[in-house]
C-alpha cells in the first residue's frame, strides 16, 4: 500500500535525480553548481520528510533512486 508521505519523499528524490541527469548535459559551471545545490536540497527535504513521517509511527521508505553524490565531483 502506498502512503502519501512516502510518495512525497520519493518525488523529492525523483526530482533530485532528474536534475543530476540534466547537469551532465550543461556546459556552464555556475548552472551546474546551482542545479547540484537544488538536487542536494531536494534530498534533504526527502530525508526530513521521512524523519517526520517515521516520528509519527510510519515506516520510512527506502530511496527508490540511487544517489549520485560520488559522481558530483567530476563537475567541480
PDB file of N, CA and C in Angstrom:
ATOM      1  N   UNK A   1       0.847  -1.173   0.000  1.00  0.00           N
ATOM      2  CA  UNK A   1       0.000   0.000   0.000  1.00  0.00           C
ATOM      3  C   UNK A   1       0.897   1.242   0.000  1.00  0.00           C
ATOM      4  N   UNK A   2       0.576   2.198  -0.851  1.00  0.00           N
ATOM      5  CA  UNK A   2       1.354   3.436  -0.927  1.00  0.00           C
ATOM      6  C   UNK A   2       0.826   4.440   0.080  1.00  0.00           C
ATOM      7  N   UNK A   3       1.750   5.123   0.723  1.00  0.00           N
ATOM      8  CA  UNK A   3       1.394   6.167   1.668  1.00  0.00           C
ATOM      9  C   UNK A   3       1.778   7.498   1.041  1.00  0.00           C
ATOM     10  N   UNK A   4       0.899   8.503   1.112  1.00  0.00           N
ATOM     11  CA  UNK A   4       1.217   9.812   0.526  1.00  0.00           C
ATOM     12  C   UNK A   4       2.516  10.390   1.052  1.00  0.00           C
ATOM     13  N   UNK A   5       2.827  10.167   2.340  1.00  0.00           N
ATOM     14  CA  UNK A   5       4.064  10.703   2.899  1.00  0.00           C
ATOM     15  C   UNK A   5       5.287  10.089   2.227  1.00  0.00           C
ATOM     16  N   UNK A   6       5.242   8.795   1.981  1.00  0.00           N
ATOM     17  CA  UNK A   6       6.353   8.120   1.318  1.00  0.00           C
ATOM     18  C   UNK A   6       6.442   8.563  -0.135  1.00  0.00           C
ATOM     19  N   UNK A   7       5.304   8.789  -0.767  1.00  0.00           N
ATOM     20  CA  UNK A   7       5.289   9.248  -2.151  1.00  0.00           C
ATOM     21  C   UNK A   7       5.937  10.620  -2.284  1.00  0.00           C
ATOM     22  N   UNK A   8       5.746  11.501  -1.288  1.00  0.00           N
ATOM     23  CA  UNK A   8       6.350  12.832  -1.327  1.00  0.00           C
ATOM     24  C   UNK A   8       7.867  12.732  -1.254  1.00  0.00           C
ATOM     25  N   UNK A   9       8.385  11.910  -0.371  1.00  0.00           N
ATOM     26  CA  UNK A   9       9.834  11.727  -0.270  1.00  0.00           C
ATOM     27  C   UNK A   9      10.372  11.156  -1.577  1.00  0.00           C
ATOM     28  N   UNK A  10       9.667  10.202  -2.159  1.00  0.00           N
ATOM     29  CA  UNK A  10      10.093   9.616  -3.432  1.00  0.00           C
ATOM     30  C   UNK A  10      10.073  10.669  -4.536  1.00  0.00           C
ATOM     31  N   UNK A  11       9.104  11.560  -4.510  1.00  0.00           N
ATOM     32  CA  UNK A  11       9.026  12.628  -5.515  1.00  0.00           C
ATOM     33  C   UNK A  11      10.203  13.582  -5.378  1.00  0.00           C
ATOM     34  N   UNK A  12      10.570  13.940  -4.149  1.00  0.00           N
ATOM     35  CA  UNK A  12      11.753  14.786  -3.962  1.00  0.00           C
ATOM     36  C   UNK A  12      12.982  14.107  -4.554  1.00  0.00           C
ATOM     37  N   UNK A  13      13.133  12.827  -4.292  1.00  0.00           N
ATOM     38  CA  UNK A  13      14.299  12.100  -4.810  1.00  0.00           C
ATOM     39  C   UNK A  13      14.255  11.987  -6.333  1.00  0.00           C
ATOM     40  N   UNK A  14      13.062  11.803  -6.902  1.00  0.00           N
ATOM     41  CA  UNK A  14      12.928  11.728  -8.357  1.00  0.00           C
ATOM     42  C   UNK A  14      13.365  13.060  -8.981  1.00  0.00           C
ATOM     43  N   UNK A  15      12.935  14.166  -8.384  1.00  0.00           N
ATOM     44  CA  UNK A  15      13.320  15.481  -8.888  1.00  0.00           C
ATOM     45  C   UNK A  15      14.826  15.703  -8.760  1.00  0.00           C
ATOM     46  N   UNK A  16      15.399  15.289  -7.649  1.00  0.00           N
ATOM     47  CA  UNK A  16      16.843  15.424  -7.453  1.00  0.00           C
ATOM     48  C   UNK A  16      17.599  14.644  -8.519  1.00  0.00           C
ATOM     49  N   UNK A  17      17.164  13.423  -8.792  1.00  0.00           N
ATOM     50  CA  UNK A  17      17.819  12.597  -9.807  1.00  0.00           C
ATOM     51  C   UNK A  17      17.665  13.214 -11.203  1.00  0.00           C
ATOM     52  N   UNK A  18      16.493  13.740 -11.488  1.00  0.00           N
ATOM     53  CA  UNK A  18      16.256  14.377 -12.787  1.00  0.00           C
ATOM     54  C   UNK A  18      17.210  15.554 -12.992  1.00  0.00           C
ATOM     55  N   UNK A  19      17.402  16.344 -11.944  1.00  0.00           N
ATOM     56  CA  UNK A  19      18.323  17.477 -12.030  1.00  0.00           C
ATOM     57  C   UNK A  19      19.747  16.994 -12.259  1.00  0.00           C
ATOM     58  N   UNK A  20      20.149  15.941 -11.577  1.00  0.00           N
ATOM     59  CA  UNK A  20      21.512  15.423 -11.760  1.00  0.00           C
ATOM     60  C   UNK A  20      21.737  14.938 -13.189  1.00  0.00           C
ATOM     61  N   UNK A  21      20.716  14.393 -13.810  1.00  0.00           N
ATOM     62  CA  UNK A  21      20.828  13.964 -15.211  1.00  0.00           C
ATOM     63  C   UNK A  21      20.984  15.188 -16.113  1.00  0.00           C
ATOM     64  N   UNK A  22      20.204  16.228 -15.862  1.00  0.00           N
ATOM     65  CA  UNK A  22      20.293  17.458 -16.650  1.00  0.00           C
ATOM     66  C   UNK A  22      21.674  18.077 -16.515  1.00  0.00           C
ATOM     67  N   UNK A  23      22.230  18.045 -15.303  1.00  0.00           N
ATOM     68  CA  UNK A  23      23.544  18.634 -15.037  1.00  0.00           C
ATOM     69  C   UNK A  23      24.614  18.057 -15.961  1.00  0.00           C
ATOM     70  N   UNK A  24      24.491  16.795 -16.297  1.00  0.00           N
ATOM     71  CA  UNK A  24      25.500  16.142 -17.131  1.00  0.00           C
ATOM     72  C   UNK A  24      25.556  16.738 -18.535  1.00  0.00           C
ATOM     73  N   UNK A  25      24.502  17.434 -18.957  1.00  0.00           N
ATOM     74  CA  UNK A  25      24.470  17.986 -20.308  1.00  0.00           C
ATOM     75  C   UNK A  25      24.726  19.494 -20.346  1.00  0.00           C
ATOM     76  N   UNK A  26      24.834  20.134 -19.201  1.00  0.00           N
ATOM     77  CA  UNK A  26      25.024  21.582 -19.146  1.00  0.00           C
ATOM     78  C   UNK A  26      26.514  21.899 -19.143  1.00  0.00           C
ATOM     79  N   UNK A  27      26.893  22.891 -19.930  1.00  0.00           N
ATOM     80  CA  UNK A  27      28.310  23.222 -20.027  1.00  0.00           C
ATOM     81  C   UNK A  27      28.715  24.402 -19.148  1.00  0.00           C
ATOM     82  N   UNK A  28      27.794  25.117 -18.609  1.00  0.00           N
ATOM     83  CA  UNK A  28      28.109  26.280 -17.787  1.00  0.00           C
ATOM     84  C   UNK A  28      28.260  25.841 -16.326  1.00  0.00           C
ATOM     85  N   UNK A  29      29.464  25.997 -15.795  1.00  0.00           N
ATOM     86  CA  UNK A  29      29.762  25.528 -14.435  1.00  0.00           C
ATOM     87  C   UNK A  29      28.845  26.127 -13.372  1.00  0.00           C
ATOM     88  N   UNK A  30      28.529  27.389 -13.490  1.00  0.00           N
ATOM     89  CA  UNK A  30      27.672  28.018 -12.489  1.00  0.00           C
ATOM     90  C   UNK A  30      26.282  27.380 -12.486  1.00  0.00           C
ATOM     91  N   UNK A  31      25.734  27.120 -13.641  1.00  0.00           N
ATOM     92  CA  UNK A  31      24.420  26.475 -13.733  1.00  0.00           C
ATOM     93  C   UNK A  31      24.485  25.075 -13.149  1.00  0.00           C
ATOM     94  N   UNK A  32      25.561  24.373 -13.416  1.00  0.00           N
ATOM     95  CA  UNK A  32      25.732  23.035 -12.839  1.00  0.00           C
ATOM     96  C   UNK A  32      25.714  23.091 -11.320  1.00  0.00           C
ATOM     97  N   UNK A  33      26.467  24.024 -10.772  1.00  0.00           N
ATOM     98  CA  UNK A  33      26.553  24.149  -9.314  1.00  0.00           C
ATOM     99  C   UNK A  33      25.183  24.464  -8.711  1.00  0.00           C
ATOM    100  N   UNK A  34      24.443  25.364  -9.332  1.00  0.00           N
ATOM    101  CA  UNK A  34      23.116  25.714  -8.825  1.00  0.00           C
ATOM    102  C   UNK A  34      22.180  24.507  -8.876  1.00  0.00           C
ATOM    103  N   UNK A  35      22.242  23.758  -9.955  1.00  0.00           N
ATOM    104  CA  UNK A  35      21.384  22.585 -10.069  1.00  0.00           C
ATOM    105  C   UNK A  35      21.778  21.507  -9.066  1.00  0.00           C
ATOM    106  N   UNK A  36      23.068  21.323  -8.841  1.00  0.00           N
ATOM    107  CA  UNK A  36      23.507  20.345  -7.844  1.00  0.00           C
ATOM    108  C   UNK A  36      23.060  20.756  -6.442  1.00  0.00           C
ATOM    109  N   UNK A  37      23.117  22.039  -6.151  1.00  0.00           N
ATOM    110  CA  UNK A  37      22.640  22.526  -4.855  1.00  0.00           C
ATOM    111  C   UNK A  37      21.141  22.266  -4.708  1.00  0.00           C
ATOM    112  N   UNK A  38      20.387  22.474  -5.779  1.00  0.00           N
ATOM    113  CA  UNK A  38      18.951  22.204  -5.746  1.00  0.00           C
ATOM    114  C   UNK A  38      18.693  20.722  -5.539  1.00  0.00           C
ATOM    115  N   UNK A  39      19.445  19.879  -6.221  1.00  0.00           N
ATOM    116  CA  UNK A  39      19.289  18.427  -6.060  1.00  0.00           C
ATOM    117  C   UNK A  39      19.606  18.020  -4.620  1.00  0.00           C
ATOM    118  N   UNK A  40      20.669  18.561  -4.049  1.00  0.00           N
ATOM    119  CA  UNK A  40      21.021  18.262  -2.659  1.00  0.00           C
ATOM    120  C   UNK A  40      19.913  18.715  -1.708  1.00  0.00           C
ATOM    121  N   UNK A  41      19.347  19.888  -1.983  1.00  0.00           N
ATOM    122  CA  UNK A  41      18.269  20.402  -1.145  1.00  0.00           C
ATOM    123  C   UNK A  41      17.046  19.481  -1.215  1.00  0.00           C
ATOM    124  N   UNK A  42      16.734  18.988  -2.401  1.00  0.00           N
ATOM    125  CA  UNK A  42      15.606  18.061  -2.542  1.00  0.00           C
ATOM    126  C   UNK A  42      15.860  16.774  -1.764  1.00  0.00           C
ATOM    127  N   UNK A  43      17.100  16.287  -1.778  1.00  0.00           N
ATOM    128  CA  UNK A  43      17.444  15.099  -0.978  1.00  0.00           C
ATOM    129  C   UNK A  43      17.225  15.380   0.507  1.00  0.00           C
ATOM    130  N   UNK A  44      17.650  16.562   0.959  1.00  0.00           N
ATOM    131  CA  UNK A  44      17.467  16.934   2.357  1.00  0.00           C
ATOM    132  C   UNK A  44      15.981  16.998   2.708  1.00  0.00           C
ATOM    133  N   UNK A  45      15.164  17.548   1.802  1.00  0.00           N
ATOM    134  CA  UNK A  45      13.721  17.590   2.031  1.00  0.00           C
ATOM    135  C   UNK A  45      13.148  16.181   2.146  1.00  0.00           C
ATOM    136  N   UNK A  46      13.605  15.280   1.291  1.00  0.00           N
ATOM    137  CA  UNK A  46      13.128  13.898   1.339  1.00  0.00           C
ATOM    138  C   UNK A  46      13.485  13.257   2.680  1.00  0.00           C
ATOM    139  N   UNK A  47      14.725  13.446   3.127  1.00  0.00           N
ATOM    140  CA  UNK A  47      15.159  12.869   4.392  1.00  0.00           C
ATOM    141  C   UNK A  47      14.391  13.469   5.567  1.00  0.00           C
ATOM    142  N   UNK A  48      14.186  14.781   5.536  1.00  0.00           N
ATOM    143  CA  UNK A  48      13.431  15.441   6.601  1.00  0.00           C
ATOM    144  C   UNK A  48      11.987  14.928   6.626  1.00  0.00           C
ATOM    145  N   UNK A  49      11.403  14.790   5.463  1.00  0.00           N
ATOM    146  CA  UNK A  49      10.029  14.297   5.358  1.00  0.00           C
ATOM    147  C   UNK A  49       9.929  12.882   5.929  1.00  0.00           C
ATOM    148  N   UNK A  50      10.904  12.046   5.605  1.00  0.00           N
ATOM    149  CA  UNK A  50      10.904  10.681   6.123  1.00  0.00           C
ATOM    150  C   UNK A  50      11.089  10.658   7.640  1.00  0.00           C
ATOM    151  N   UNK A  51      11.959  11.515   8.164  1.00  0.00           N
ATOM    152  CA  UNK A  51      12.154  11.578   9.617  1.00  0.00           C
ATOM    153  C   UNK A  51      10.857  11.963  10.314  1.00  0.00           C
ATOM    154  N   UNK A  52      10.155  12.957   9.766  1.00  0.00           N
ATOM    155  CA  UNK A  52       8.896  13.388  10.355  1.00  0.00           C
ATOM    156  C   UNK A  52       7.856  12.281  10.270  1.00  0.00           C
ATOM    157  N   UNK A  53       7.819  11.601   9.151  1.00  0.00           N
ATOM    158  CA  UNK A  53       6.868  10.505   8.962  1.00  0.00           C
ATOM    159  C   UNK A  53       7.180   9.381   9.927  1.00  0.00           C
ATOM    160  N   UNK A  54       8.461   9.064  10.056  1.00  0.00           N
ATOM    161  CA  UNK A  54       8.892   7.995  10.958  1.00  0.00           C
ATOM    162  C   UNK A  54       8.569   8.354  12.409  1.00  0.00           C
ATOM    163  N   UNK A  55       8.716   9.615  12.767  1.00  0.00           N
ATOM    164  CA  UNK A  55       8.437  10.069  14.124  1.00  0.00           C
ATOM    165  C   UNK A  55       6.958   9.908  14.474  1.00  0.00           C
ATOM    166  N   UNK A  56       6.115   9.883  13.456  1.00  0.00           N
ATOM    167  CA  UNK A  56       4.679   9.719  13.670  1.00  0.00           C
ATOM    168  C   UNK A  56       4.263   8.255  13.576  1.00  0.00           C
ATOM    169  N   UNK A  57       5.224   7.347  13.615  1.00  0.00           N
ATOM    170  CA  UNK A  57       4.918   5.926  13.659  1.00  0.00           C
ATOM    171  C   UNK A  57       4.886   5.221  12.329  1.00  0.00           C
ATOM    172  N   UNK A  58       5.134   5.928  11.239  1.00  0.00           N
ATOM    173  CA  UNK A  58       5.168   5.293   9.932  1.00  0.00           C
ATOM    174  C   UNK A  58       6.563   4.794   9.645  1.00  0.00           C
ATOM    175  N   UNK A  59       6.649   3.763   8.861  1.00  0.00           N
ATOM    176  CA  UNK A  59       7.935   3.198   8.479  1.00  0.00           C
ATOM    177  C   UNK A  59       8.482   3.983   7.287  1.00  0.00           C
ATOM    178  N   UNK A  60       9.727   4.491   7.353  1.00  0.00           N
ATOM    179  CA  UNK A  60      10.275   5.271   6.240  1.00  0.00           C
ATOM    180  C   UNK A  60      10.507   4.409   5.017  1.00  0.00           C
ATOM    181  N   UNK A  61      10.286   4.996   3.859  1.00  0.00           N
ATOM    182  CA  UNK A  61      10.511   4.289   2.598  1.00  0.00           C
ATOM    183  C   UNK A  61      11.985   4.349   2.245  1.00  0.00           C
ATOM    184  N   UNK A  62      12.471   3.332   1.580  1.00  0.00           N
ATOM    185  CA  UNK A  62      13.852   3.363   1.115  1.00  0.00           C
ATOM    186  C   UNK A  62      13.919   4.191  -0.148  1.00  0.00           C
ATOM    187  N   UNK A  63      15.085   4.692  -0.447  1.00  0.00           N
ATOM    188  CA  UNK A  63      15.266   5.507  -1.634  1.00  0.00           C
ATOM    189  C   UNK A  63      15.044   4.674  -2.878  1.00  0.00           C
ATOM    190  N   UNK A  64      14.185   5.163  -3.758  1.00  0.00           N
ATOM    191  CA  UNK A  64      13.889   4.451  -4.999  1.00  0.00           C
ATOM    192  C   UNK A  64      14.965   4.702  -6.047  1.00  0.00           C
ATOM    193  N   UNK A  65      15.704   5.795  -5.886  1.00  0.00           N
ATOM    194  CA  UNK A  65      16.710   6.160  -6.870  1.00  0.00           C
ATOM    195  C   UNK A  65      18.081   6.204  -6.194  1.00  0.00           C
ATOM    196  N   UNK A  66      19.108   5.750  -6.882  1.00  0.00           N
ATOM    197  CA  UNK A  66      20.446   5.804  -6.294  1.00  0.00           C
ATOM    198  C   UNK A  66      20.949   7.235  -6.231  1.00  0.00           C
ATOM    199  N   UNK A  67      21.724   7.518  -5.231  1.00  0.00           N
ATOM    200  CA  UNK A  67      22.331   8.838  -5.105  1.00  0.00           C
ATOM    201  C   UNK A  67      23.561   8.908  -5.991  1.00  0.00           C
ATOM    202  N   UNK A  68      23.768  10.059  -6.609  1.00  0.00           N
ATOM    203  CA  UNK A  68      24.936  10.256  -7.474  1.00  0.00           C
ATOM    204  C   UNK A  68      25.942  11.180  -6.817  1.00  0.00           C
ATOM    205  N   UNK A  69      25.914  11.277  -5.502  1.00  0.00           N
ATOM    206  CA  UNK A  69      26.793  12.218  -4.820  1.00  0.00           C
ATOM    207  C   UNK A  69      28.263  11.956  -5.134  1.00  0.00           C
ATOM    208  N   UNK A  70      28.675  10.714  -5.248  1.00  0.00           N
ATOM    209  CA  UNK A  70      30.077  10.401  -5.530  1.00  0.00           C
ATOM    210  C   UNK A  70      30.477  10.904  -6.909  1.00  0.00           C
ATOM    211  N   UNK A  71      29.551  10.939  -7.851  1.00  0.00           N
ATOM    212  CA  UNK A  71      29.886  11.363  -9.205  1.00  0.00           C
ATOM    213  C   UNK A  71      29.827  12.878  -9.345  1.00  0.00           C
ATOM    214  N   UNK A  72      29.291  13.611  -8.362  1.00  0.00           N
ATOM    215  CA  UNK A  72      29.179  15.050  -8.458  1.00  0.00           C
ATOM    216  C   UNK A  72      30.537  15.721  -8.552  1.00  0.00           C
ATOM    217  N   UNK A  73      31.581  15.114  -8.025  1.00  0.00           N
ATOM    218  CA  UNK A  73      32.912  15.718  -8.032  1.00  0.00           C
ATOM    219  C   UNK A  73      33.428  15.957  -9.440  1.00  0.00           C
ATOM    220  N   UNK A  74      33.002  15.202 -10.399  1.00  0.00           N
ATOM    221  CA  UNK A  74      33.524  15.369 -11.759  1.00  0.00           C
ATOM    222  C   UNK A  74      33.075  16.697 -12.378  1.00  0.00           C
ATOM    223  N   UNK A  75      32.099  17.368 -11.765  1.00  0.00           N
ATOM    224  CA  UNK A  75      31.604  18.624 -12.304  1.00  0.00           C
ATOM    225  C   UNK A  75      32.225  19.823 -11.621  1.00  0.00           C
ATOM    226  N   UNK A  76      33.068  19.583 -10.658  1.00  0.00           N
ATOM    227  CA  UNK A  76      33.684  20.689  -9.897  1.00  0.00           C
ATOM    228  C   UNK A  76      34.717  21.410 -10.718  1.00  0.00           C
TER     229      UNK A  76
END
